[in-house]
Amino acid sequence: MDLEEKYAVGLGVLSIILLLAGVCLGTFFKTAHGRIVRTVFPIAALLTLAAFGTYVAVARQHIKG
């Protein structure tokens, strides 16, 4: 398995971890007030975007050199 395939598999694993974290977060906040949900979920979305962006930036740097 070459380096690009390892990063592709890692991205898949990161996706599954973030999916499970989102399910847990949704389960935890399913009875919360709307104000809390409107505050927490945009923050979680930004953290998810930052995690993907950081992973892709590191992968591109290592693959392209």
PDB file of N, CA and C in Angstrom:
ATOM      1  N   MET A   1       0.861  -1.170   0.000  1.00  0.00           N
ATOM      2  CA  MET A   1       0.000   0.000   0.000  1.00  0.00           C
ATOM      3  C   MET A   1       0.906   1.232   0.000  1.00  0.00           C
ATOM      4  N   ASP A   2       0.679   2.107  -0.976  1.00  0.00           N
ATOM      5  CA  ASP A   2       1.516   3.307  -1.031  1.00  0.00           C
ATOM      6  C   ASP A   2       0.934   4.409  -0.147  1.00  0.00           C
ATOM      7  N   LEU A   3       1.651   5.519  -0.098  1.00  0.00           N
ATOM      8  CA  LEU A   3       1.319   6.593   0.845  1.00  0.00           C
ATOM      9  C   LEU A   3      -0.054   7.194   0.576  1.00  0.00           C
ATOM     10  N   GLU A   4      -0.419   7.376  -0.700  1.00  0.00           N
ATOM     11  CA  GLU A   4      -1.723   7.959  -1.020  1.00  0.00           C
ATOM     12  C   GLU A   4      -2.862   7.071  -0.535  1.00  0.00           C
ATOM     13  N   GLU A   5      -2.700   5.769  -0.690  1.00  0.00           N
ATOM     14  CA  GLU A   5      -3.734   4.845  -0.224  1.00  0.00           C
ATOM     15  C   GLU A   5      -3.843   4.852   1.293  1.00  0.00           C
ATOM     16  N   LYS A   6      -2.720   4.992   1.973  1.00  0.00           N
ATOM     17  CA  LYS A   6      -2.755   5.060   3.438  1.00  0.00           C
ATOM     18  C   LYS A   6      -3.507   6.299   3.906  1.00  0.00           C
ATOM     19  N   TYR A   7      -3.282   7.431   3.236  1.00  0.00           N
ATOM     20  CA  TYR A   7      -4.016   8.645   3.604  1.00  0.00           C
ATOM     21  C   TYR A   7      -5.492   8.521   3.253  1.00  0.00           C
ATOM     22  N   ALA A   8      -5.824   7.835   2.159  1.00  0.00           N
ATOM     23  CA  ALA A   8      -7.233   7.626   1.810  1.00  0.00           C
ATOM     24  C   ALA A   8      -7.927   6.771   2.861  1.00  0.00           C
ATOM     25  N   VAL A   9      -7.267   5.717   3.312  1.00  0.00           N
ATOM     26  CA  VAL A   9      -7.833   4.867   4.363  1.00  0.00           C
ATOM     27  C   VAL A   9      -7.963   5.668   5.658  1.00  0.00           C
ATOM     28  N   GLY A  10      -6.960   6.463   5.972  1.00  0.00           N
ATOM     29  CA  GLY A  10      -7.013   7.300   7.170  1.00  0.00           C
ATOM     30  C   GLY A  10      -8.159   8.292   7.124  1.00  0.00           C
ATOM     31  N   LEU A  11      -8.422   8.845   5.947  1.00  0.00           N
ATOM     32  CA  LEU A  11      -9.541   9.778   5.803  1.00  0.00           C
ATOM     33  C   LEU A  11     -10.868   9.057   6.011  1.00  0.00           C
ATOM     34  N   GLY A  12     -10.957   7.832   5.544  1.00  0.00           N
ATOM     35  CA  GLY A  12     -12.161   7.041   5.785  1.00  0.00           C
ATOM     36  C   GLY A  12     -12.362   6.761   7.257  1.00  0.00           C
ATOM     37  N   VAL A  13     -11.280   6.433   7.951  1.00  0.00           N
ATOM     38  CA  VAL A  13     -11.361   6.179   9.395  1.00  0.00           C
ATOM     39  C   VAL A  13     -11.769   7.455  10.130  1.00  0.00           C
ATOM     40  N   LEU A  14     -11.180   8.591   9.736  1.00  0.00           N
ATOM     41  CA  LEU A  14     -11.558   9.873  10.345  1.00  0.00           C
ATOM     42  C   LEU A  14     -13.038  10.162  10.123  1.00  0.00           C
ATOM     43  N   SER A  15     -13.545   9.859   8.939  1.00  0.00           N
ATOM     44  CA  SER A  15     -14.964  10.070   8.647  1.00  0.00           C
ATOM     45  C   SER A  15     -15.852   9.233   9.557  1.00  0.00           C
ATOM     46  N   ILE A  16     -15.477   7.975   9.756  1.00  0.00           N
ATOM     47  CA  ILE A  16     -16.271   7.096  10.617  1.00  0.00           C
ATOM     48  C   ILE A  16     -16.230   7.578  12.067  1.00  0.00           C
ATOM     49  N   ILE A  17     -15.065   7.998  12.521  1.00  0.00           N
ATOM     50  CA  ILE A  17     -14.947   8.508  13.896  1.00  0.00           C
ATOM     51  C   ILE A  17     -15.808   9.755  14.080  1.00  0.00           C
ATOM     52  N   LEU A  18     -15.768  10.662  13.109  1.00  0.00           N
ATOM     53  CA  LEU A  18     -16.577  11.875  13.221  1.00  0.00           C
ATOM     54  C   LEU A  18     -18.071  11.566  13.112  1.00  0.00           C
ATOM     55  N   LEU A  19     -18.434  10.564  12.328  1.00  0.00           N
ATOM     56  CA  LEU A  19     -19.835  10.150  12.241  1.00  0.00           C
ATOM     57  C   LEU A  19     -20.315   9.621  13.587  1.00  0.00           C
ATOM     58  N   LEU A  20     -19.514   8.766  14.211  1.00  0.00           N
ATOM     59  CA  LEU A  20     -19.887   8.229  15.518  1.00  0.00           C
ATOM     60  C   LEU A  20     -19.954   9.328  16.577  1.00  0.00           C
ATOM     61  N   ALA A  21     -19.026  10.262  16.519  1.00  0.00           N
ATOM     62  CA  ALA A  21     -19.063  11.388  17.467  1.00  0.00           C
ATOM     63  C   ALA A  21     -20.327  12.222  17.257  1.00  0.00           C
ATOM     64  N   GLY A  22     -20.711  12.424  16.010  1.00  0.00           N
ATOM     65  CA  GLY A  22     -21.936  13.174  15.721  1.00  0.00           C
ATOM     66  C   GLY A  22     -23.184  12.469  16.216  1.00  0.00           C
ATOM     67  N   VAL A  23     -23.215  11.142  16.065  1.00  0.00           N
ATOM     68  CA  VAL A  23     -24.357  10.372  16.568  1.00  0.00           C
ATOM     69  C   VAL A  23     -24.429  10.466  18.092  1.00  0.00           C
ATOM     70  N   CYS A  24     -23.291  10.336  18.739  1.00  0.00           N
ATOM     71  CA  CYS A  24     -23.264  10.454  20.210  1.00  0.00           C
ATOM     72  C   CYS A  24     -23.693  11.858  20.654  1.00  0.00           C
ATOM     73  N   LEU A  25     -23.198  12.868  19.959  1.00  0.00           N
ATOM     74  CA  LEU A  25     -23.571  14.242  20.287  1.00  0.00           C
ATOM     75  C   LEU A  25     -25.067  14.464  20.089  1.00  0.00           C
ATOM     76  N   GLY A  26     -25.603  13.947  18.992  1.00  0.00           N
ATOM     77  CA  GLY A  26     -27.038  14.069  18.731  1.00  0.00           C
ATOM     78  C   GLY A  26     -27.876  13.359  19.765  1.00  0.00           C
ATOM     79  N   THR A  27     -27.434  12.185  20.187  1.00  0.00           N
ATOM     80  CA  THR A  27     -28.153  11.433  21.210  1.00  0.00           C
ATOM     81  C   THR A  27     -28.120  12.170  22.546  1.00  0.00           C
ATOM     82  N   PHE A  28     -26.973  12.741  22.865  1.00  0.00           N
ATOM     83  CA  PHE A  28     -26.820  13.453  24.131  1.00  0.00           C
ATOM     84  C   PHE A  28     -27.698  14.706  24.171  1.00  0.00           C
ATOM     85  N   PHE A  29     -27.807  15.404  23.043  1.00  0.00           N
ATOM     86  CA  PHE A  29     -28.545  16.670  23.015  1.00  0.00           C
ATOM     87  C   PHE A  29     -29.959  16.547  22.448  1.00  0.00           C
ATOM     88  N   LYS A  30     -30.497  15.356  22.334  1.00  0.00           N
ATOM     89  CA  LYS A  30     -31.819  15.231  21.715  1.00  0.00           C
ATOM     90  C   LYS A  30     -32.936  15.836  22.566  1.00  0.00           C
ATOM     91  N   THR A  31     -32.727  15.960  23.851  1.00  0.00           N
ATOM     92  CA  THR A  31     -33.749  16.572  24.701  1.00  0.00           C
ATOM     93  C   THR A  31     -33.333  17.961  25.187  1.00  0.00           C
ATOM     94  N   ALA A  32     -32.270  18.489  24.636  1.00  0.00           N
ATOM     95  CA  ALA A  32     -31.782  19.803  25.087  1.00  0.00           C
ATOM     96  C   ALA A  32     -32.652  20.916  24.512  1.00  0.00           C
ATOM     97  N   HIS A  33     -32.536  22.071  25.110  1.00  0.00           N
ATOM     98  CA  HIS A  33     -33.254  23.240  24.633  1.00  0.00           C
ATOM     99  C   HIS A  33     -32.710  23.672  23.274  1.00  0.00           C
ATOM    100  N   GLY A  34     -33.539  24.327  22.505  1.00  0.00           N
ATOM    101  CA  GLY A  34     -33.149  24.757  21.165  1.00  0.00           C
ATOM    102  C   GLY A  34     -31.961  25.694  21.164  1.00  0.00           C
ATOM    103  N   ARG A  35     -31.863  26.531  22.165  1.00  0.00           N
ATOM    104  CA  ARG A  35     -30.751  27.486  22.232  1.00  0.00           C
ATOM    105  C   ARG A  35     -29.413  26.759  22.362  1.00  0.00           C
ATOM    106  N   ILE A  36     -29.390  25.689  23.133  1.00  0.00           N
ATOM    107  CA  ILE A  36     -28.157  24.912  23.306  1.00  0.00           C
ATOM    108  C   ILE A  36     -27.787  24.219  22.002  1.00  0.00           C
ATOM    109  N   VAL A  37     -28.780  23.636  21.345  1.00  0.00           N
ATOM    110  CA  VAL A  37     -28.535  22.940  20.079  1.00  0.00           C
ATOM    111  C   VAL A  37     -28.042  23.920  19.021  1.00  0.00           C
ATOM    112  N   ARG A  38     -28.642  25.088  18.955  1.00  0.00           N
ATOM    113  CA  ARG A  38     -28.211  26.088  17.967  1.00  0.00           C
ATOM    114  C   ARG A  38     -26.819  26.614  18.248  1.00  0.00           C
ATOM    115  N   THR A  39     -26.342  26.464  19.459  1.00  0.00           N
ATOM    116  CA  THR A  39     -24.983  26.880  19.802  1.00  0.00           C
ATOM    117  C   THR A  39     -23.973  25.759  19.567  1.00  0.00           C
ATOM    118  N   VAL A  40     -24.320  24.541  19.967  1.00  0.00           N
ATOM    119  CA  VAL A  40     -23.362  23.436  19.940  1.00  0.00           C
ATOM    120  C   VAL A  40     -23.126  22.912  18.523  1.00  0.00           C
ATOM    121  N   PHE A  41     -24.171  22.732  17.740  1.00  0.00           N
ATOM    122  CA  PHE A  41     -24.004  22.083  16.444  1.00  0.00           C
ATOM    123  C   PHE A  41     -23.213  22.904  15.428  1.00  0.00           C
ATOM    124  N   PRO A  42     -23.351  24.222  15.355  1.00  0.00           N
ATOM    125  CA  PRO A  42     -22.447  24.958  14.462  1.00  0.00           C
ATOM    126  C   PRO A  42     -20.978  24.865  14.881  1.00  0.00           C
ATOM    127  N   ILE A  43     -20.741  24.824  16.193  1.00  0.00           N
ATOM    128  CA  ILE A  43     -19.355  24.653  16.666  1.00  0.00           C
ATOM    129  C   ILE A  43     -18.843  23.277  16.260  1.00  0.00           C
ATOM    130  N   ALA A  44     -19.679  22.252  16.403  1.00  0.00           N
ATOM    131  CA  ALA A  44     -19.286  20.899  15.999  1.00  0.00           C
ATOM    132  C   ALA A  44     -19.035  20.834  14.492  1.00  0.00           C
ATOM    133  N   ALA A  45     -19.842  21.547  13.721  1.00  0.00           N
ATOM    134  CA  ALA A  45     -19.638  21.566  12.268  1.00  0.00           C
ATOM    135  C   ALA A  45     -18.312  22.240  11.907  1.00  0.00           C
ATOM    136  N   LEU A  46     -17.981  23.317  12.576  1.00  0.00           N
ATOM    137  CA  LEU A  46     -16.703  23.986  12.311  1.00  0.00           C
ATOM    138  C   LEU A  46     -15.516  23.118  12.719  1.00  0.00           C
ATOM    139  N   LEU A  47     -15.646  22.407  13.826  1.00  0.00           N
ATOM    140  CA  LEU A  47     -14.572  21.502  14.249  1.00  0.00           C
ATOM    141  C   LEU A  47     -14.404  20.346  13.264  1.00  0.00           C
ATOM    142  N   THR A  48     -15.519  19.850  12.724  1.00  0.00           N
ATOM    143  CA  THR A  48     -15.452  18.803  11.711  1.00  0.00           C
ATOM    144  C   THR A  48     -14.756  19.308  10.456  1.00  0.00           C
ATOM    145  N   LEU A  49     -15.127  20.483  10.019  1.00  0.00           N
ATOM    146  CA  LEU A  49     -14.495  21.083   8.848  1.00  0.00           C
ATOM    147  C   LEU A  49     -13.010  21.309   9.084  1.00  0.00           C
ATOM    148  N   ALA A  50     -12.654  21.766  10.261  1.00  0.00           N
ATOM    149  CA  ALA A  50     -11.245  21.983  10.586  1.00  0.00           C
ATOM    150  C   ALA A  50     -10.478  20.660  10.623  1.00  0.00           C
ATOM    151  N   ALA A  51     -11.093  19.609  11.136  1.00  0.00           N
ATOM    152  CA  ALA A  51     -10.424  18.301  11.173  1.00  0.00           C
ATOM    153  C   ALA A  51     -10.159  17.787   9.766  1.00  0.00           C
ATOM    154  N   PHE A  52     -11.160  17.864   8.891  1.00  0.00           N
ATOM    155  CA  PHE A  52     -10.963  17.426   7.512  1.00  0.00           C
ATOM    156  C   PHE A  52      -9.927  18.299   6.796  1.00  0.00           C
ATOM    157  N   GLY A  53     -10.038  19.599   6.984  1.00  0.00           N
ATOM    158  CA  GLY A  53      -9.097  20.508   6.325  1.00  0.00           C
ATOM    159  C   GLY A  53      -7.661  20.280   6.766  1.00  0.00           C
ATOM    160  N   THR A  54      -7.462  20.088   8.046  1.00  0.00           N
ATOM    161  CA  THR A  54      -6.117  19.827   8.563  1.00  0.00           C
ATOM    162  C   THR A  54      -5.579  18.506   8.030  1.00  0.00           C
ATOM    163  N   TYR A  55      -6.417  17.489   8.030  1.00  0.00           N
ATOM    164  CA  TYR A  55      -5.986  16.179   7.539  1.00  0.00           C
ATOM    165  C   TYR A  55      -5.598  16.250   6.066  1.00  0.00           C
ATOM    166  N   VAL A  56      -6.416  16.900   5.272  1.00  0.00           N
ATOM    167  CA  VAL A  56      -6.125  17.006   3.836  1.00  0.00           C
ATOM    168  C   VAL A  56      -4.872  17.844   3.597  1.00  0.00           C
ATOM    169  N   ALA A  57      -4.704  18.912   4.352  1.00  0.00           N
ATOM    170  CA  ALA A  57      -3.500  19.755   4.179  1.00  0.00           C
ATOM    171  C   ALA A  57      -2.233  18.977   4.520  1.00  0.00           C
ATOM    172  N   VAL A  58      -2.264  18.205   5.593  1.00  0.00           N
ATOM    173  CA  VAL A  58      -1.092  17.404   5.975  1.00  0.00           C
ATOM    174  C   VAL A  58      -0.847  16.321   4.931  1.00  0.00           C
ATOM    175  N   ALA A  59      -1.900  15.685   4.470  1.00  0.00           N
ATOM    176  CA  ALA A  59      -1.748  14.640   3.453  1.00  0.00           C
ATOM    177  C   ALA A  59      -1.155  15.202   2.166  1.00  0.00           C
ATOM    178  N   ARG A  60      -1.660  16.330   1.724  1.00  0.00           N
ATOM    179  CA  ARG A  60      -1.134  16.942   0.495  1.00  0.00           C
ATOM    180  C   ARG A  60       0.331  17.326   0.650  1.00  0.00           C
ATOM    181  N   GLN A  61       0.692  17.820   1.808  1.00  0.00           N
ATOM    182  CA  GLN A  61       2.078  18.221   2.045  1.00  0.00           C
ATOM    183  C   GLN A  61       3.000  17.010   2.002  1.00  0.00           C
ATOM    184  N   HIS A  62       2.577  15.902   2.603  1.00  0.00           N
ATOM    185  CA  HIS A  62       3.416  14.710   2.639  1.00  0.00           C
ATOM    186  C   HIS A  62       3.489  14.003   1.285  1.00  0.00           C
ATOM    187  N   ILE A  63       2.394  14.018   0.547  1.00  0.00           N
ATOM    188  CA  ILE A  63       2.380  13.317  -0.733  1.00  0.00           C
ATOM    189  C   ILE A  63       3.131  14.105  -1.810  1.00  0.00           C
ATOM    190  N   LYS A  64       2.876  15.402  -1.885  1.00  0.00           N
ATOM    191  CA  LYS A  64       3.522  16.219  -2.917  1.00  0.00           C
ATOM    192  C   LYS A  64       4.936  16.637  -2.534  1.00  0.00           C
ATOM    193  N   GLY A  65       5.237  16.620  -1.262  1.00  0.00           N
ATOM    194  CA  GLY A  65       6.583  16.921  -0.802  1.00  0.00           C
ATOM    195  C   GLY A  65       6.973  18.333  -0.724  1.00  0.00           C
TER     196      GLY A  65
END
